[in-house]
Amino acid sequence: MFGLGAWELAIILLIVIMLFGARRLPEIGTGIGKAIKNFKAGISGKDEIDVTPRKGDEDPEHVTEGKKSES
């Protein structure tokens, strides 16, 4: 794995624990997991909310202005 042995990985893990603390490691792991999940979803092109206007829909500002001028 990238030319790292068991001792090198143990030293890196020890430094990470010293920097962030054992309590924050699960939070960091969860955050990284969510970031990867969102990145993959963004790359696939599947949008959760489609904000593109449909054909024939009018701009809401123009509709509001039209109603104001009629009354």
Protein backbone atom coordinates (compact mmCIF):
# COMPACT_ATOMS: atom_id res chain seq x y z
CA MET A 1 0.00 0.00 0.00
CA PHE A 2 1.99 2.97 -1.32
CA GLY A 3 5.19 1.37 -0.04
CA LEU A 4 4.23 1.90 3.60
CA GLY A 5 4.88 -0.84 6.10
CA ALA A 6 3.09 -1.64 9.33
CA TRP A 7 5.43 0.54 11.42
CA GLU A 8 4.95 3.57 9.20
CA LEU A 9 1.18 3.23 9.33
CA ALA A 10 1.29 2.84 13.13
CA ILE A 11 3.36 6.01 13.48
CA ILE A 12 0.99 7.95 11.19
CA LEU A 13 -2.00 6.71 13.19
CA LEU A 14 -0.32 7.72 16.45
CA ILE A 15 0.36 11.23 15.11
CA VAL A 16 -3.25 11.59 13.91
CA ILE A 17 -4.56 10.51 17.32
CA MET A 18 -2.25 12.99 19.04
CA LEU A 19 -3.35 15.84 16.76
CA PHE A 20 -7.12 15.29 16.74
CA GLY A 21 -7.77 13.17 19.81
CA ALA A 22 -9.50 9.82 19.97
CA ARG A 23 -12.93 11.42 20.41
CA ARG A 24 -12.82 13.33 17.13
CA LEU A 25 -11.63 10.47 14.91
CA PRO A 26 -15.14 9.01 14.33
CA GLU A 27 -16.43 12.49 13.44
CA ILE A 28 -13.59 12.99 10.96
CA GLY A 29 -14.24 9.55 9.43
CA THR A 30 -17.96 10.28 9.11
CA GLY A 31 -17.25 13.63 7.49
CA ILE A 32 -14.84 12.12 4.99
CA GLY A 33 -17.33 9.36 4.17
CA LYS A 34 -20.13 11.87 3.53
CA ALA A 35 -17.83 14.01 1.39
CA ILE A 36 -16.90 11.02 -0.77
CA LYS A 37 -20.56 10.01 -1.09
CA ASN A 38 -21.59 13.53 -2.15
CA PHE A 39 -18.67 13.73 -4.58
CA LYS A 40 -19.69 10.46 -6.23
CA ALA A 41 -23.31 11.61 -6.45
CA GLY A 42 -22.20 14.88 -8.02
CA ILE A 43 -20.05 13.13 -10.59
CA SER A 44 -22.83 10.74 -11.60
CA GLY A 45 -24.98 13.72 -12.60
CA LYS A 46 -28.06 12.72 -10.64
CA ASP A 47 -29.36 15.92 -9.08
CA GLU A 48 -31.48 15.72 -5.96
CA ILE A 49 -33.41 18.84 -6.92
CA ASP A 50 -34.02 19.77 -10.53
CA VAL A 51 -34.06 23.56 -10.80
CA THR A 52 -34.25 23.82 -14.57
CA PRO A 53 -37.46 25.52 -15.73
CA ARG A 54 -39.89 23.46 -17.72
CA LYS A 55 -40.98 24.56 -21.18
CA GLY A 56 -43.91 26.96 -21.03
CA ASP A 57 -43.30 28.07 -17.44
CA GLU A 58 -43.25 31.80 -17.04
CA ASP A 59 -40.89 33.75 -14.85
CA PRO A 60 -42.61 34.30 -11.45
CA GLU A 61 -41.60 37.96 -11.41
CA HIS A 62 -43.41 38.64 -14.68
CA VAL A 63 -46.52 36.82 -13.47
CA THR A 64 -46.56 38.88 -10.29
CA GLU A 65 -46.09 42.12 -12.25
CA GLY A 66 -48.91 41.20 -14.60
CA LYS A 67 -51.32 40.59 -11.72
CA LYS A 68 -50.44 43.90 -10.13
CA SER A 69 -51.15 45.86 -13.31
CA GLU A 70 -54.55 44.18 -13.78
CA SER A 71 -55.90 45.14 -10.34
